[in-house]
Amino acid sequence: MDYNLIATIVTTALMVAAAALGAKYRRLKGKAEKLRDLVDDLVRAWEDDALTAEEAESLARRAKALLEPEEGLP
């Protein structure tokens, strides 16, 4: 088998894998950032020893949104 053909096949497979994994990485990174923001807000609410109804509702809504699957994903 010709080495140029093998190199072409491997390069193509790596390009496809990089595209697929790159999209998954960006989605995962976005979820991680949302989780970090949620935890930061939760810690701030905990530290001031006063959890208002609005804070609780906002935290619950954001946590629920974080757990819901994103649109257009299998």
PDB file of N, CA and C in Angstrom:
ATOM      1  N   MET A   1       0.850  -1.175   0.000  1.00  0.00           N
ATOM      2  CA  MET A   1       0.000   0.000   0.000  1.00  0.00           C
ATOM      3  C   MET A   1       0.897   1.239   0.000  1.00  0.00           C
ATOM      4  N   ASP A   2       0.478   2.224  -0.677  1.00  0.00           N
ATOM      5  CA  ASP A   2       1.233   3.462  -0.828  1.00  0.00           C
ATOM      6  C   ASP A   2       1.140   4.312   0.444  1.00  0.00           C
ATOM      7  N   TYR A   3       2.266   4.860   0.885  1.00  0.00           N
ATOM      8  CA  TYR A   3       2.287   5.667   2.106  1.00  0.00           C
ATOM      9  C   TYR A   3       1.507   6.972   1.955  1.00  0.00           C
ATOM     10  N   ASN A   4       1.442   7.502   0.758  1.00  0.00           N
ATOM     11  CA  ASN A   4       0.656   8.720   0.539  1.00  0.00           C
ATOM     12  C   ASN A   4      -0.832   8.456   0.763  1.00  0.00           C
ATOM     13  N   LEU A   5      -1.307   7.308   0.334  1.00  0.00           N
ATOM     14  CA  LEU A   5      -2.708   6.951   0.536  1.00  0.00           C
ATOM     15  C   LEU A   5      -3.001   6.779   2.026  1.00  0.00           C
ATOM     16  N   ILE A   6      -2.101   6.113   2.733  1.00  0.00           N
ATOM     17  CA  ILE A   6      -2.278   5.926   4.177  1.00  0.00           C
ATOM     18  C   ILE A   6      -2.289   7.273   4.891  1.00  0.00           C
ATOM     19  N   ALA A   7      -1.375   8.152   4.516  1.00  0.00           N
ATOM     20  CA  ALA A   7      -1.309   9.476   5.130  1.00  0.00           C
ATOM     21  C   ALA A   7      -2.582  10.270   4.863  1.00  0.00           C
ATOM     22  N   THR A   8      -3.116  10.169   3.663  1.00  0.00           N
ATOM     23  CA  THR A   8      -4.355  10.868   3.311  1.00  0.00           C
ATOM     24  C   THR A   8      -5.523  10.349   4.133  1.00  0.00           C
ATOM     25  N   ILE A   9      -5.627   9.038   4.261  1.00  0.00           N
ATOM     26  CA  ILE A   9      -6.722   8.435   5.032  1.00  0.00           C
ATOM     27  C   ILE A   9      -6.626   8.835   6.504  1.00  0.00           C
ATOM     28  N   VAL A  10      -5.432   8.764   7.076  1.00  0.00           N
ATOM     29  CA  VAL A  10      -5.248   9.116   8.486  1.00  0.00           C
ATOM     30  C   VAL A  10      -5.532  10.595   8.710  1.00  0.00           C
ATOM     31  N   THR A  11      -5.062  11.438   7.816  1.00  0.00           N
ATOM     32  CA  THR A  11      -5.303  12.880   7.938  1.00  0.00           C
ATOM     33  C   THR A  11      -6.790  13.197   7.873  1.00  0.00           C
ATOM     34  N   THR A  12      -7.489  12.568   6.956  1.00  0.00           N
ATOM     35  CA  THR A  12      -8.929  12.780   6.833  1.00  0.00           C
ATOM     36  C   THR A  12      -9.655  12.325   8.095  1.00  0.00           C
ATOM     37  N   ALA A  13      -9.289  11.181   8.623  1.00  0.00           N
ATOM     38  CA  ALA A  13      -9.921  10.677   9.842  1.00  0.00           C
ATOM     39  C   ALA A  13      -9.656  11.621  11.013  1.00  0.00           C
ATOM     40  N   LEU A  14      -8.450  12.144  11.106  1.00  0.00           N
ATOM     41  CA  LEU A  14      -8.128  13.081  12.185  1.00  0.00           C
ATOM     42  C   LEU A  14      -8.890  14.395  12.048  1.00  0.00           C
ATOM     43  N   MET A  15      -9.090  14.856  10.819  1.00  0.00           N
ATOM     44  CA  MET A  15      -9.853  16.085  10.607  1.00  0.00           C
ATOM     45  C   MET A  15     -11.305  15.909  11.041  1.00  0.00           C
ATOM     46  N   VAL A  16     -11.887  14.787  10.689  1.00  0.00           N
ATOM     47  CA  VAL A  16     -13.278  14.510  11.073  1.00  0.00           C
ATOM     48  C   VAL A  16     -13.388  14.402  12.592  1.00  0.00           C
ATOM     49  N   ALA A  17     -12.460  13.704  13.222  1.00  0.00           N
ATOM     50  CA  ALA A  17     -12.478  13.549  14.678  1.00  0.00           C
ATOM     51  C   ALA A  17     -12.290  14.893  15.366  1.00  0.00           C
ATOM     52  N   ALA A  18     -11.394  15.722  14.857  1.00  0.00           N
ATOM     53  CA  ALA A  18     -11.154  17.034  15.464  1.00  0.00           C
ATOM     54  C   ALA A  18     -12.387  17.917  15.374  1.00  0.00           C
ATOM     55  N   ALA A  19     -13.080  17.868  14.257  1.00  0.00           N
ATOM     56  CA  ALA A  19     -14.293  18.675  14.103  1.00  0.00           C
ATOM     57  C   ALA A  19     -15.375  18.219  15.073  1.00  0.00           C
ATOM     58  N   ALA A  20     -15.577  16.929  15.181  1.00  0.00           N
ATOM     59  CA  ALA A  20     -16.618  16.398  16.072  1.00  0.00           C
ATOM     60  C   ALA A  20     -16.270  16.653  17.537  1.00  0.00           C
ATOM     61  N   LEU A  21     -15.047  16.388  17.902  1.00  0.00           N
ATOM     62  CA  LEU A  21     -14.650  16.567  19.297  1.00  0.00           C
ATOM     63  C   LEU A  21     -14.546  18.041  19.674  1.00  0.00           C
ATOM     64  N   GLY A  22     -14.208  18.888  18.721  1.00  0.00           N
ATOM     65  CA  GLY A  22     -14.143  20.320  18.994  1.00  0.00           C
ATOM     66  C   GLY A  22     -15.504  20.889  19.366  1.00  0.00           C
ATOM     67  N   ALA A  23     -16.533  20.471  18.658  1.00  0.00           N
ATOM     68  CA  ALA A  23     -17.892  20.932  18.953  1.00  0.00           C
ATOM     69  C   ALA A  23     -18.330  20.445  20.333  1.00  0.00           C
ATOM     70  N   LYS A  24     -18.017  19.197  20.653  1.00  0.00           N
ATOM     71  CA  LYS A  24     -18.384  18.667  21.966  1.00  0.00           C
ATOM     72  C   LYS A  24     -17.628  19.401  23.069  1.00  0.00           C
ATOM     73  N   TYR A  25     -16.360  19.725  22.824  1.00  0.00           N
ATOM     74  CA  TYR A  25     -15.562  20.446  23.803  1.00  0.00           C
ATOM     75  C   TYR A  25     -16.161  21.820  24.077  1.00  0.00           C
ATOM     76  N   ARG A  26     -16.572  22.531  23.031  1.00  0.00           N
ATOM     77  CA  ARG A  26     -17.146  23.865  23.228  1.00  0.00           C
ATOM     78  C   ARG A  26     -18.433  23.784  24.035  1.00  0.00           C
ATOM     79  N   ARG A  27     -19.280  22.779  23.758  1.00  0.00           N
ATOM     80  CA  ARG A  27     -20.523  22.630  24.532  1.00  0.00           C
ATOM     81  C   ARG A  27     -20.208  22.315  25.991  1.00  0.00           C
ATOM     82  N   LEU A  28     -19.262  21.428  26.218  1.00  0.00           N
ATOM     83  CA  LEU A  28     -18.885  21.064  27.577  1.00  0.00           C
ATOM     84  C   LEU A  28     -18.279  22.249  28.316  1.00  0.00           C
ATOM     85  N   LYS A  29     -17.462  23.022  27.636  1.00  0.00           N
ATOM     86  CA  LYS A  29     -16.851  24.195  28.250  1.00  0.00           C
ATOM     87  C   LYS A  29     -17.924  25.214  28.632  1.00  0.00           C
ATOM     88  N   GLY A  30     -18.911  25.401  27.774  1.00  0.00           N
ATOM     89  CA  GLY A  30     -20.010  26.321  28.082  1.00  0.00           C
ATOM     90  C   GLY A  30     -20.783  25.871  29.307  1.00  0.00           C
ATOM     91  N   LYS A  31     -21.068  24.565  29.390  1.00  0.00           N
ATOM     92  CA  LYS A  31     -21.773  24.032  30.566  1.00  0.00           C
ATOM     93  C   LYS A  31     -20.936  24.215  31.822  1.00  0.00           C
ATOM     94  N   ALA A  32     -19.628  23.991  31.731  1.00  0.00           N
ATOM     95  CA  ALA A  32     -18.743  24.147  32.890  1.00  0.00           C
ATOM     96  C   ALA A  32     -18.717  25.597  33.359  1.00  0.00           C
ATOM     97  N   GLU A  33     -18.708  26.549  32.434  1.00  0.00           N
ATOM     98  CA  GLU A  33     -18.728  27.958  32.809  1.00  0.00           C
ATOM     99  C   GLU A  33     -20.042  28.322  33.491  1.00  0.00           C
ATOM    100  N   LYS A  34     -21.151  27.808  32.983  1.00  0.00           N
ATOM    101  CA  LYS A  34     -22.443  28.069  33.620  1.00  0.00           C
ATOM    102  C   LYS A  34     -22.488  27.472  35.025  1.00  0.00           C
ATOM    103  N   LEU A  35     -21.934  26.276  35.181  1.00  0.00           N
ATOM    104  CA  LEU A  35     -21.887  25.631  36.489  1.00  0.00           C
ATOM    105  C   LEU A  35     -21.030  26.440  37.453  1.00  0.00           C
ATOM    106  N   ARG A  36     -19.878  26.914  36.986  1.00  0.00           N
ATOM    107  CA  ARG A  36     -19.004  27.734  37.830  1.00  0.00           C
ATOM    108  C   ARG A  36     -19.728  29.000  38.298  1.00  0.00           C
ATOM    109  N   ASP A  37     -20.439  29.672  37.386  1.00  0.00           N
ATOM    110  CA  ASP A  37     -21.185  30.876  37.752  1.00  0.00           C
ATOM    111  C   ASP A  37     -22.286  30.559  38.757  1.00  0.00           C
ATOM    112  N   LEU A  38     -22.952  29.449  38.560  1.00  0.00           N
ATOM    113  CA  LEU A  38     -24.011  29.039  39.480  1.00  0.00           C
ATOM    114  C   LEU A  38     -23.448  28.768  40.879  1.00  0.00           C
ATOM    115  N   VAL A  39     -22.331  28.065  40.944  1.00  0.00           N
ATOM    116  CA  VAL A  39     -21.714  27.765  42.238  1.00  0.00           C
ATOM    117  C   VAL A  39     -21.225  29.049  42.901  1.00  0.00           C
ATOM    118  N   ASP A  40     -20.650  29.976  42.131  1.00  0.00           N
ATOM    119  CA  ASP A  40     -20.218  31.257  42.699  1.00  0.00           C
ATOM    120  C   ASP A  40     -21.399  32.009  43.319  1.00  0.00           C
ATOM    121  N   ASP A  41     -22.522  32.054  42.608  1.00  0.00           N
ATOM    122  CA  ASP A  41     -23.706  32.730  43.137  1.00  0.00           C
ATOM    123  C   ASP A  41     -24.256  32.010  44.366  1.00  0.00           C
ATOM    124  N   LEU A  42     -24.203  30.695  44.358  1.00  0.00           N
ATOM    125  CA  LEU A  42     -24.666  29.919  45.503  1.00  0.00           C
ATOM    126  C   LEU A  42     -23.797  30.193  46.732  1.00  0.00           C
ATOM    127  N   VAL A  43     -22.496  30.269  46.544  1.00  0.00           N
ATOM    128  CA  VAL A  43     -21.584  30.567  47.653  1.00  0.00           C
ATOM    129  C   VAL A  43     -21.838  31.973  48.179  1.00  0.00           C
ATOM    130  N   ARG A  44     -22.024  32.951  47.294  1.00  0.00           N
ATOM    131  CA  ARG A  44     -22.316  34.316  47.741  1.00  0.00           C
ATOM    132  C   ARG A  44     -23.615  34.365  48.540  1.00  0.00           C
ATOM    133  N   ALA A  45     -24.631  33.652  48.090  1.00  0.00           N
ATOM    134  CA  ALA A  45     -25.908  33.629  48.810  1.00  0.00           C
ATOM    135  C   ALA A  45     -25.739  32.948  50.170  1.00  0.00           C
ATOM    136  N   TRP A  46     -24.914  31.922  50.229  1.00  0.00           N
ATOM    137  CA  TRP A  46     -24.676  31.200  51.475  1.00  0.00           C
ATOM    138  C   TRP A  46     -23.907  32.072  52.473  1.00  0.00           C
ATOM    139  N   GLU A  47     -22.915  32.805  51.987  1.00  0.00           N
ATOM    140  CA  GLU A  47     -22.059  33.585  52.870  1.00  0.00           C
ATOM    141  C   GLU A  47     -22.770  34.770  53.503  1.00  0.00           C
ATOM    142  N   ASP A  48     -23.743  35.356  52.838  1.00  0.00           N
ATOM    143  CA  ASP A  48     -24.423  36.509  53.443  1.00  0.00           C
ATOM    144  C   ASP A  48     -25.546  36.093  54.393  1.00  0.00           C
ATOM    145  N   ASP A  49     -25.739  34.784  54.561  1.00  0.00           N
ATOM    146  CA  ASP A  49     -26.712  34.231  55.523  1.00  0.00           C
ATOM    147  C   ASP A  49     -28.134  34.726  55.313  1.00  0.00           C
ATOM    148  N   ALA A  50     -28.441  35.175  54.113  1.00  0.00           N
ATOM    149  CA  ALA A  50     -29.797  35.615  53.826  1.00  0.00           C
ATOM    150  C   ALA A  50     -30.148  35.214  52.399  1.00  0.00           C
ATOM    151  N   LEU A  51     -30.904  34.155  52.281  1.00  0.00           N
ATOM    152  CA  LEU A  51     -31.312  33.679  50.963  1.00  0.00           C
ATOM    153  C   LEU A  51     -32.729  34.176  50.706  1.00  0.00           C
ATOM    154  N   THR A  52     -32.844  35.140  49.812  1.00  0.00           N
ATOM    155  CA  THR A  52     -34.158  35.686  49.504  1.00  0.00           C
ATOM    156  C   THR A  52     -34.899  34.738  48.560  1.00  0.00           C
ATOM    157  N   ALA A  53     -36.181  34.950  48.463  1.00  0.00           N
ATOM    158  CA  ALA A  53     -36.993  34.121  47.569  1.00  0.00           C
ATOM    159  C   ALA A  53     -36.555  34.304  46.120  1.00  0.00           C
ATOM    160  N   GLU A  54     -36.183  35.527  45.763  1.00  0.00           N
ATOM    161  CA  GLU A  54     -35.736  35.792  44.400  1.00  0.00           C
ATOM    162  C   GLU A  54     -34.422  35.060  44.107  1.00  0.00           C
ATOM    163  N   GLU A  55     -33.500  35.076  45.077  1.00  0.00           N
ATOM    164  CA  GLU A  55     -32.233  34.358  44.894  1.00  0.00           C
ATOM    165  C   GLU A  55     -32.468  32.865  44.754  1.00  0.00           C
ATOM    166  N   ALA A  56     -33.316  32.328  45.598  1.00  0.00           N
ATOM    167  CA  ALA A  56     -33.602  30.893  45.551  1.00  0.00           C
ATOM    168  C   ALA A  56     -34.238  30.511  44.226  1.00  0.00           C
ATOM    169  N   GLU A  57     -35.177  31.329  43.768  1.00  0.00           N
ATOM    170  CA  GLU A  57     -35.843  31.048  42.494  1.00  0.00           C
ATOM    171  C   GLU A  57     -34.854  31.135  41.336  1.00  0.00           C
ATOM    172  N   SER A  58     -33.989  32.138  41.359  1.00  0.00           N
ATOM    173  CA  SER A  58     -32.993  32.302  40.305  1.00  0.00           C
ATOM    174  C   SER A  58     -32.019  31.129  40.294  1.00  0.00           C
ATOM    175  N   LEU A  59     -31.540  30.720  41.451  1.00  0.00           N
ATOM    176  CA  LEU A  59     -30.613  29.595  41.534  1.00  0.00           C
ATOM    177  C   LEU A  59     -31.270  28.304  41.047  1.00  0.00           C
ATOM    178  N   ALA A  60     -32.500  28.084  41.450  1.00  0.00           N
ATOM    179  CA  ALA A  60     -33.211  26.875  41.039  1.00  0.00           C
ATOM    180  C   ALA A  60     -33.451  26.866  39.537  1.00  0.00           C
ATOM    181  N   ARG A  61     -33.842  28.005  38.985  1.00  0.00           N
ATOM    182  CA  ARG A  61     -34.105  28.100  37.551  1.00  0.00           C
ATOM    183  C   ARG A  61     -32.820  27.852  36.746  1.00  0.00           C
ATOM    184  N   ARG A  62     -31.711  28.433  37.198  1.00  0.00           N
ATOM    185  CA  ARG A  62     -30.442  28.258  36.493  1.00  0.00           C
ATOM    186  C   ARG A  62     -29.934  26.822  36.612  1.00  0.00           C
ATOM    187  N   ALA A  63     -30.124  26.204  37.768  1.00  0.00           N
ATOM    188  CA  ALA A  63     -29.697  24.810  37.938  1.00  0.00           C
ATOM    189  C   ALA A  63     -30.527  23.895  37.037  1.00  0.00           C
ATOM    190  N   LYS A  64     -31.821  24.158  36.956  1.00  0.00           N
ATOM    191  CA  LYS A  64     -32.687  23.346  36.100  1.00  0.00           C
ATOM    192  C   LYS A  64     -32.303  23.520  34.631  1.00  0.00           C
ATOM    193  N   ALA A  65     -31.999  24.751  34.225  1.00  0.00           N
ATOM    194  CA  ALA A  65     -31.594  25.012  32.845  1.00  0.00           C
ATOM    195  C   ALA A  65     -30.268  24.331  32.524  1.00  0.00           C
ATOM    196  N   LEU A  66     -29.400  24.243  33.518  1.00  0.00           N
ATOM    197  CA  LEU A  66     -28.108  23.592  33.316  1.00  0.00           C
ATOM    198  C   LEU A  66     -28.267  22.097  33.075  1.00  0.00           C
ATOM    199  N   LEU A  67     -29.261  21.497  33.703  1.00  0.00           N
ATOM    200  CA  LEU A  67     -29.476  20.060  33.572  1.00  0.00           C
ATOM    201  C   LEU A  67     -30.259  19.666  32.332  1.00  0.00           C
ATOM    202  N   GLU A  68     -30.980  20.620  31.733  1.00  0.00           N
ATOM    203  CA  GLU A  68     -31.760  20.307  30.543  1.00  0.00           C
ATOM    204  C   GLU A  68     -30.835  20.139  29.341  1.00  0.00           C
ATOM    205  N   PRO A  69     -31.158  19.194  28.463  1.00  0.00           N
ATOM    206  CA  PRO A  69     -30.324  19.020  27.262  1.00  0.00           C
ATOM    207  C   PRO A  69     -30.461  20.235  26.339  1.00  0.00           C
ATOM    208  N   GLU A  70     -29.396  20.522  25.621  1.00  0.00           N
ATOM    209  CA  GLU A  70     -29.410  21.647  24.693  1.00  0.00           C
ATOM    210  C   GLU A  70     -30.182  21.270  23.439  1.00  0.00           C
ATOM    211  N   GLU A  71     -30.753  22.280  22.801  1.00  0.00           N
ATOM    212  CA  GLU A  71     -31.524  22.048  21.581  1.00  0.00           C
ATOM    213  C   GLU A  71     -30.601  21.624  20.452  1.00  0.00           C
ATOM    214  N   GLY A  72     -31.081  20.763  19.624  1.00  0.00           N
ATOM    215  CA  GLY A  72     -30.330  20.319  18.461  1.00  0.00           C
ATOM    216  C   GLY A  72     -29.304  19.242  18.740  1.00  0.00           C
ATOM    217  N   LEU A  73     -29.292  18.741  19.950  1.00  0.00           N
ATOM    218  CA  LEU A  73     -28.341  17.684  20.306  1.00  0.00           C
ATOM    219  C   LEU A  73     -29.064  16.361  20.419  1.00  0.00           C
ATOM    220  N   PRO A  74     -28.416  15.280  20.076  1.00  0.00           N
ATOM    221  CA  PRO A  74     -29.074  13.965  20.192  1.00  0.00           C
ATOM    222  C   PRO A  74     -29.229  13.547  21.629  1.00  0.00           C
TER     223      PRO A  74
END
